[in-house]
PDB file of N, CA and C in Angstrom:
ATOM      1  N   MET A   1     -15.410  37.730   2.339  1.00  0.00           N
ATOM      2  CA  MET A   1     -14.451  36.921   1.617  1.00  0.00           C
ATOM      3  C   MET A   1     -14.886  35.460   1.638  1.00  0.00           C
ATOM      4  N   ASN A   2     -14.628  34.818   0.546  1.00  0.00           N
ATOM      5  CA  ASN A   2     -14.946  33.398   0.450  1.00  0.00           C
ATOM      6  C   ASN A   2     -13.763  32.559   0.922  1.00  0.00           C
ATOM      7  N   ALA A   3     -14.064  31.510   1.638  1.00  0.00           N
ATOM      8  CA  ALA A   3     -13.014  30.591   2.082  1.00  0.00           C
ATOM      9  C   ALA A   3     -12.558  29.739   0.892  1.00  0.00           C
ATOM     10  N   PRO A   4     -11.288  29.415   0.842  1.00  0.00           N
ATOM     11  CA  PRO A   4     -10.816  28.578  -0.272  1.00  0.00           C
ATOM     12  C   PRO A   4     -11.457  27.191  -0.218  1.00  0.00           C
ATOM     13  N   VAL A   5     -11.783  26.685  -1.386  1.00  0.00           N
ATOM     14  CA  VAL A   5     -12.415  25.378  -1.485  1.00  0.00           C
ATOM     15  C   VAL A   5     -11.314  24.335  -1.685  1.00  0.00           C
ATOM     16  N   GLU A   6     -11.295  23.346  -0.802  1.00  0.00           N
ATOM     17  CA  GLU A   6     -10.295  22.297  -0.908  1.00  0.00           C
ATOM     18  C   GLU A   6     -10.860  21.131  -1.703  1.00  0.00           C
ATOM     19  N   LYS A   7     -10.000  20.527  -2.521  1.00  0.00           N
ATOM     20  CA  LYS A   7     -10.407  19.345  -3.264  1.00  0.00           C
ATOM     21  C   LYS A   7     -10.386  18.139  -2.333  1.00  0.00           C
ATOM     22  N   PRO A   8     -11.354  17.241  -2.449  1.00  0.00           N
ATOM     23  CA  PRO A   8     -11.332  16.046  -1.606  1.00  0.00           C
ATOM     24  C   PRO A   8     -10.188  15.116  -2.030  1.00  0.00           C
ATOM     25  N   VAL A   9      -9.692  14.358  -1.085  1.00  0.00           N
ATOM     26  CA  VAL A   9      -8.616  13.407  -1.373  1.00  0.00           C
ATOM     27  C   VAL A   9      -9.208  12.203  -2.105  1.00  0.00           C
ATOM     28  N   ASP A  10      -8.554  11.816  -3.182  1.00  0.00           N
ATOM     29  CA  ASP A  10      -8.986  10.662  -3.963  1.00  0.00           C
ATOM     30  C   ASP A  10      -8.721   9.389  -3.162  1.00  0.00           C
ATOM     31  N   PRO A  11      -9.749   8.587  -2.857  1.00  0.00           N
ATOM     32  CA  PRO A  11      -9.527   7.380  -2.057  1.00  0.00           C
ATOM     33  C   PRO A  11      -8.645   6.354  -2.761  1.00  0.00           C
ATOM     34  N   LEU A  12      -8.683   6.300  -4.090  1.00  0.00           N
ATOM     35  CA  LEU A  12      -7.809   5.370  -4.800  1.00  0.00           C
ATOM     36  C   LEU A  12      -6.348   5.775  -4.648  1.00  0.00           C
ATOM     37  N   TRP A  13      -6.082   7.074  -4.690  1.00  0.00           N
ATOM     38  CA  TRP A  13      -4.711   7.537  -4.487  1.00  0.00           C
ATOM     39  C   TRP A  13      -4.237   7.192  -3.084  1.00  0.00           C
ATOM     40  N   LEU A  14      -5.092   7.400  -2.108  1.00  0.00           N
ATOM     41  CA  LEU A  14      -4.746   7.108  -0.720  1.00  0.00           C
ATOM     42  C   LEU A  14      -4.497   5.617  -0.508  1.00  0.00           C
ATOM     43  N   ALA A  15      -5.312   4.771  -1.115  1.00  0.00           N
ATOM     44  CA  ALA A  15      -5.124   3.322  -1.000  1.00  0.00           C
ATOM     45  C   ALA A  15      -3.820   2.888  -1.654  1.00  0.00           C
ATOM     46  N   GLU A  16      -3.520   3.424  -2.844  1.00  0.00           N
ATOM     47  CA  GLU A  16      -2.279   3.056  -3.525  1.00  0.00           C
ATOM     48  C   GLU A  16      -1.067   3.550  -2.746  1.00  0.00           C
ATOM     49  N   PHE A  17      -1.136   4.749  -2.222  1.00  0.00           N
ATOM     50  CA  PHE A  17      -0.044   5.284  -1.416  1.00  0.00           C
ATOM     51  C   PHE A  17       0.214   4.409  -0.194  1.00  0.00           C
ATOM     52  N   SER A  18      -0.858   3.967   0.442  1.00  0.00           N
ATOM     53  CA  SER A  18      -0.716   3.098   1.612  1.00  0.00           C
ATOM     54  C   SER A  18      -0.069   1.768   1.251  1.00  0.00           C
ATOM     55  N   CYS A  19      -0.469   1.203   0.126  1.00  0.00           N
ATOM     56  CA  CYS A  19       0.123  -0.065  -0.311  1.00  0.00           C
ATOM     57  C   CYS A  19       1.618   0.083  -0.569  1.00  0.00           C
ATOM     58  N   TRP A  20       2.010   1.106  -1.313  1.00  0.00           N
ATOM     59  CA  TRP A  20       3.434   1.273  -1.639  1.00  0.00           C
ATOM     60  C   TRP A  20       4.244   1.648  -0.405  1.00  0.00           C
ATOM     61  N   THR A  21       3.626   2.356   0.540  1.00  0.00           N
ATOM     62  CA  THR A  21       4.324   2.667   1.786  1.00  0.00           C
ATOM     63  C   THR A  21       4.609   1.388   2.566  1.00  0.00           C
ATOM     64  N   MET A  22       3.650   0.486   2.622  1.00  0.00           N
ATOM     65  CA  MET A  22       3.855  -0.789   3.318  1.00  0.00           C
ATOM     66  C   MET A  22       4.946  -1.602   2.637  1.00  0.00           C
ATOM     67  N   VAL A  23       4.939  -1.628   1.315  1.00  0.00           N
ATOM     68  CA  VAL A  23       5.969  -2.373   0.580  1.00  0.00           C
ATOM     69  C   VAL A  23       7.346  -1.760   0.834  1.00  0.00           C
ATOM     70  N   ALA A  24       7.428  -0.444   0.865  1.00  0.00           N
ATOM     71  CA  ALA A  24       8.717   0.223   1.078  1.00  0.00           C
ATOM     72  C   ALA A  24       9.229   0.036   2.508  1.00  0.00           C
ATOM     73  N   LEU A  25       8.323  -0.029   3.477  1.00  0.00           N
ATOM     74  CA  LEU A  25       8.738  -0.153   4.871  1.00  0.00           C
ATOM     75  C   LEU A  25       8.961  -1.594   5.319  1.00  0.00           C
ATOM     76  N   ALA A  26       8.584  -2.571   4.520  1.00  0.00           N
ATOM     77  CA  ALA A  26       8.713  -3.977   4.913  1.00  0.00           C
ATOM     78  C   ALA A  26      10.148  -4.367   5.274  1.00  0.00           C
ATOM     79  N   PRO A  27      11.158  -3.993   4.494  1.00  0.00           N
ATOM     80  CA  PRO A  27      12.527  -4.358   4.897  1.00  0.00           C
ATOM     81  C   PRO A  27      12.943  -3.722   6.225  1.00  0.00           C
ATOM     82  N   LEU A  28      12.539  -2.496   6.446  1.00  0.00           N
ATOM     83  CA  LEU A  28      12.871  -1.834   7.707  1.00  0.00           C
ATOM     84  C   LEU A  28      12.179  -2.527   8.880  1.00  0.00           C
ATOM     85  N   LEU A  29      10.915  -2.883   8.703  1.00  0.00           N
ATOM     86  CA  LEU A  29      10.193  -3.580   9.761  1.00  0.00           C
ATOM     87  C   LEU A  29      10.792  -4.954  10.033  1.00  0.00           C
ATOM     88  N   TYR A  30      11.257  -5.636   8.990  1.00  0.00           N
ATOM     89  CA  TYR A  30      11.916  -6.933   9.177  1.00  0.00           C
ATOM     90  C   TYR A  30      13.205  -6.746   9.971  1.00  0.00           C
ATOM     91  N   TRP A  31      13.949  -5.702   9.655  1.00  0.00           N
ATOM     92  CA  TRP A  31      15.202  -5.444  10.363  1.00  0.00           C
ATOM     93  C   TRP A  31      14.945  -5.120  11.835  1.00  0.00           C
ATOM     94  N   VAL A  32      13.906  -4.342  12.108  1.00  0.00           N
ATOM     95  CA  VAL A  32      13.584  -3.964  13.488  1.00  0.00           C
ATOM     96  C   VAL A  32      13.048  -5.160  14.272  1.00  0.00           C
ATOM     97  N   ASN A  33      12.121  -5.913  13.687  1.00  0.00           N
ATOM     98  CA  ASN A  33      11.449  -6.996  14.402  1.00  0.00           C
ATOM     99  C   ASN A  33      12.217  -8.314  14.364  1.00  0.00           C
ATOM    100  N   GLY A  34      13.112  -8.474  13.411  1.00  0.00           N
ATOM    101  CA  GLY A  34      13.847  -9.723  13.296  1.00  0.00           C
ATOM    102  C   GLY A  34      13.059 -10.766  12.523  1.00  0.00           C
ATOM    103  N   PRO A  35      13.652 -11.941  12.370  1.00  0.00           N
ATOM    104  CA  PRO A  35      12.962 -13.001  11.619  1.00  0.00           C
ATOM    105  C   PRO A  35      11.743 -13.514  12.376  1.00  0.00           C
ATOM    106  N   ALA A  36      10.854 -14.144  11.638  1.00  0.00           N
ATOM    107  CA  ALA A  36       9.641 -14.689  12.241  1.00  0.00           C
ATOM    108  C   ALA A  36      10.005 -15.799  13.226  1.00  0.00           C
ATOM    109  N   VAL A  37       9.309 -15.839  14.355  1.00  0.00           N
ATOM    110  CA  VAL A  37       9.606 -16.837  15.380  1.00  0.00           C
ATOM    111  C   VAL A  37       8.655 -18.026  15.318  1.00  0.00           C
ATOM    112  N   SER A  38       7.628 -17.928  14.484  1.00  0.00           N
ATOM    113  CA  SER A  38       6.710 -19.060  14.320  1.00  0.00           C
ATOM    114  C   SER A  38       6.202 -19.073  12.882  1.00  0.00           C
ATOM    115  N   VAL A  39       5.634 -20.199  12.524  1.00  0.00           N
ATOM    116  CA  VAL A  39       5.077 -20.331  11.175  1.00  0.00           C
ATOM    117  C   VAL A  39       3.899 -19.370  11.003  1.00  0.00           C
ATOM    118  N   ASP A  40       3.091 -19.223  12.043  1.00  0.00           N
ATOM    119  CA  ASP A  40       1.950 -18.306  11.956  1.00  0.00           C
ATOM    120  C   ASP A  40       2.402 -16.873  11.679  1.00  0.00           C
ATOM    121  N   GLN A  41       3.444 -16.444  12.360  1.00  0.00           N
ATOM    122  CA  GLN A  41       3.948 -15.089  12.166  1.00  0.00           C
ATOM    123  C   GLN A  41       4.496 -14.921  10.751  1.00  0.00           C
ATOM    124  N   LEU A  42       5.170 -15.928  10.250  1.00  0.00           N
ATOM    125  CA  LEU A  42       5.697 -15.876   8.884  1.00  0.00           C
ATOM    126  C   LEU A  42       4.570 -15.775   7.863  1.00  0.00           C
ATOM    127  N   VAL A  43       3.523 -16.555   8.070  1.00  0.00           N
ATOM    128  CA  VAL A  43       2.381 -16.531   7.150  1.00  0.00           C
ATOM    129  C   VAL A  43       1.718 -15.160   7.154  1.00  0.00           C
ATOM    130  N   VAL A  44       1.515 -14.596   8.335  1.00  0.00           N
ATOM    131  CA  VAL A  44       0.883 -13.283   8.422  1.00  0.00           C
ATOM    132  C   VAL A  44       1.742 -12.223   7.738  1.00  0.00           C
ATOM    133  N   ARG A  45       3.048 -12.248   7.975  1.00  0.00           N
ATOM    134  CA  ARG A  45       3.934 -11.272   7.323  1.00  0.00           C
ATOM    135  C   ARG A  45       3.888 -11.409   5.810  1.00  0.00           C
ATOM    136  N   CYS A  46       3.911 -12.646   5.323  1.00  0.00           N
ATOM    137  CA  CYS A  46       3.880 -12.858   3.869  1.00  0.00           C
ATOM    138  C   CYS A  46       2.553 -12.422   3.261  1.00  0.00           C
ATOM    139  N   VAL A  47       1.457 -12.698   3.959  1.00  0.00           N
ATOM    140  CA  VAL A  47       0.139 -12.306   3.443  1.00  0.00           C
ATOM    141  C   VAL A  47      -0.002 -10.785   3.419  1.00  0.00           C
ATOM    142  N   VAL A  48       0.458 -10.116   4.471  1.00  0.00           N
ATOM    143  CA  VAL A  48       0.363  -8.650   4.514  1.00  0.00           C
ATOM    144  C   VAL A  48       1.227  -8.033   3.412  1.00  0.00           C
ATOM    145  N   PHE A  49       2.461  -8.522   3.264  1.00  0.00           N
ATOM    146  CA  PHE A  49       3.331  -7.980   2.225  1.00  0.00           C
ATOM    147  C   PHE A  49       2.773  -8.277   0.833  1.00  0.00           C
ATOM    148  N   GLY A  50       2.324  -9.511   0.613  1.00  0.00           N
ATOM    149  CA  GLY A  50       1.763  -9.874  -0.688  1.00  0.00           C
ATOM    150  C   GLY A  50       0.512  -9.081  -1.030  1.00  0.00           C
ATOM    151  N   SER A  51      -0.333  -8.855  -0.039  1.00  0.00           N
ATOM    152  CA  SER A  51      -1.554  -8.074  -0.266  1.00  0.00           C
ATOM    153  C   SER A  51      -1.219  -6.619  -0.612  1.00  0.00           C
ATOM    154  N   ALA A  52      -0.246  -6.062   0.099  1.00  0.00           N
ATOM    155  CA  ALA A  52       0.159  -4.681  -0.188  1.00  0.00           C
ATOM    156  C   ALA A  52       0.756  -4.569  -1.585  1.00  0.00           C
ATOM    157  N   LEU A  53       1.589  -5.531  -1.955  1.00  0.00           N
ATOM    158  CA  LEU A  53       2.206  -5.509  -3.283  1.00  0.00           C
ATOM    159  C   LEU A  53       1.156  -5.696  -4.378  1.00  0.00           C
ATOM    160  N   ALA A  54       0.279  -6.676  -4.196  1.00  0.00           N
ATOM    161  CA  ALA A  54      -0.776  -6.913  -5.189  1.00  0.00           C
ATOM    162  C   ALA A  54      -1.724  -5.715  -5.281  1.00  0.00           C
ATOM    163  N   GLY A  55      -2.038  -5.113  -4.147  1.00  0.00           N
ATOM    164  CA  GLY A  55      -2.911  -3.941  -4.153  1.00  0.00           C
ATOM    165  C   GLY A  55      -2.278  -2.758  -4.862  1.00  0.00           C
ATOM    166  N   GLY A  56      -0.994  -2.518  -4.592  1.00  0.00           N
ATOM    167  CA  GLY A  56      -0.295  -1.417  -5.253  1.00  0.00           C
ATOM    168  C   GLY A  56      -0.213  -1.604  -6.756  1.00  0.00           C
ATOM    169  N   ILE A  57       0.134  -2.820  -7.170  1.00  0.00           N
ATOM    170  CA  ILE A  57       0.224  -3.099  -8.608  1.00  0.00           C
ATOM    171  C   ILE A  57      -1.160  -3.039  -9.251  1.00  0.00           C
ATOM    172  N   GLY A  58      -2.146  -3.638  -8.589  1.00  0.00           N
ATOM    173  CA  GLY A  58      -3.504  -3.642  -9.136  1.00  0.00           C
ATOM    174  C   GLY A  58      -4.087  -2.249  -9.284  1.00  0.00           C
ATOM    175  N   LEU A  59      -3.896  -1.421  -8.275  1.00  0.00           N
ATOM    176  CA  LEU A  59      -4.412  -0.051  -8.365  1.00  0.00           C
ATOM    177  C   LEU A  59      -3.680   0.757  -9.424  1.00  0.00           C
ATOM    178  N   ARG A  60      -2.372   0.554  -9.568  1.00  0.00           N
ATOM    179  CA  ARG A  60      -1.612   1.278 -10.591  1.00  0.00           C
ATOM    180  C   ARG A  60      -2.077   0.868 -11.989  1.00  0.00           C
ATOM    181  N   VAL A  61      -2.289  -0.424 -12.213  1.00  0.00           N
ATOM    182  CA  VAL A  61      -2.770  -0.906 -13.516  1.00  0.00           C
ATOM    183  C   VAL A  61      -4.171  -0.363 -13.790  1.00  0.00           C
ATOM    184  N   TYR A  62      -5.036  -0.400 -12.779  1.00  0.00           N
ATOM    185  CA  TYR A  62      -6.393   0.125 -12.948  1.00  0.00           C
ATOM    186  C   TYR A  62      -6.377   1.598 -13.328  1.00  0.00           C
ATOM    187  N   LYS A  63      -5.573   2.391 -12.623  1.00  0.00           N
ATOM    188  CA  LYS A  63      -5.506   3.824 -12.933  1.00  0.00           C
ATOM    189  C   LYS A  63      -4.946   4.070 -14.325  1.00  0.00           C
ATOM    190  N   THR A  64      -3.936   3.293 -14.706  1.00  0.00           N
ATOM    191  CA  THR A  64      -3.337   3.451 -16.030  1.00  0.00           C
ATOM    192  C   THR A  64      -4.344   3.111 -17.131  1.00  0.00           C
ATOM    193  N   LEU A  65      -5.047   2.012 -16.962  1.00  0.00           N
ATOM    194  CA  LEU A  65      -6.039   1.622 -17.976  1.00  0.00           C
ATOM    195  C   LEU A  65      -7.214   2.590 -18.011  1.00  0.00           C
ATOM    196  N   ARG A  66      -7.624   3.104 -16.868  1.00  0.00           N
ATOM    197  CA  ARG A  66      -8.734   4.058 -16.818  1.00  0.00           C
ATOM    198  C   ARG A  66      -8.344   5.375 -17.492  1.00  0.00           C
ATOM    199  N   ARG A  67      -7.092   5.779 -17.332  1.00  0.00           N
ATOM    200  CA  ARG A  67      -6.627   7.040 -17.931  1.00  0.00           C
ATOM    201  C   ARG A  67      -6.538   6.923 -19.452  1.00  0.00           C
ATOM    202  N   ARG A  68      -6.150   5.739 -19.962  1.00  0.00           N
ATOM    203  CA  ARG A  68      -6.010   5.546 -21.403  1.00  0.00           C
ATOM    204  C   ARG A  68      -7.363   5.369 -22.095  1.00  0.00           C
ATOM    205  N   GLY A  69      -8.324   4.810 -21.374  1.00  0.00           N
ATOM    206  CA  GLY A  69      -9.602   4.481 -21.986  1.00  0.00           C
ATOM    207  C   GLY A  69     -10.599   5.561 -22.019  1.00  0.00           C
TER     208      GLY A  69
END
């Protein structure tokens, strides 16, 4: 008998999923951790959230344009 062949996971899908998961969990993490206690912490939180949001939007636009073209 032949073993079933599994399809490899698309790295773009995995990256987009990770970005949207971070964006979705940001409010929960803010609630758990509380407000930033220093300017450095605030900057890091904003950069991480902004990068996740920009990455999710960018990957979604790229996939949409690639599918249409």
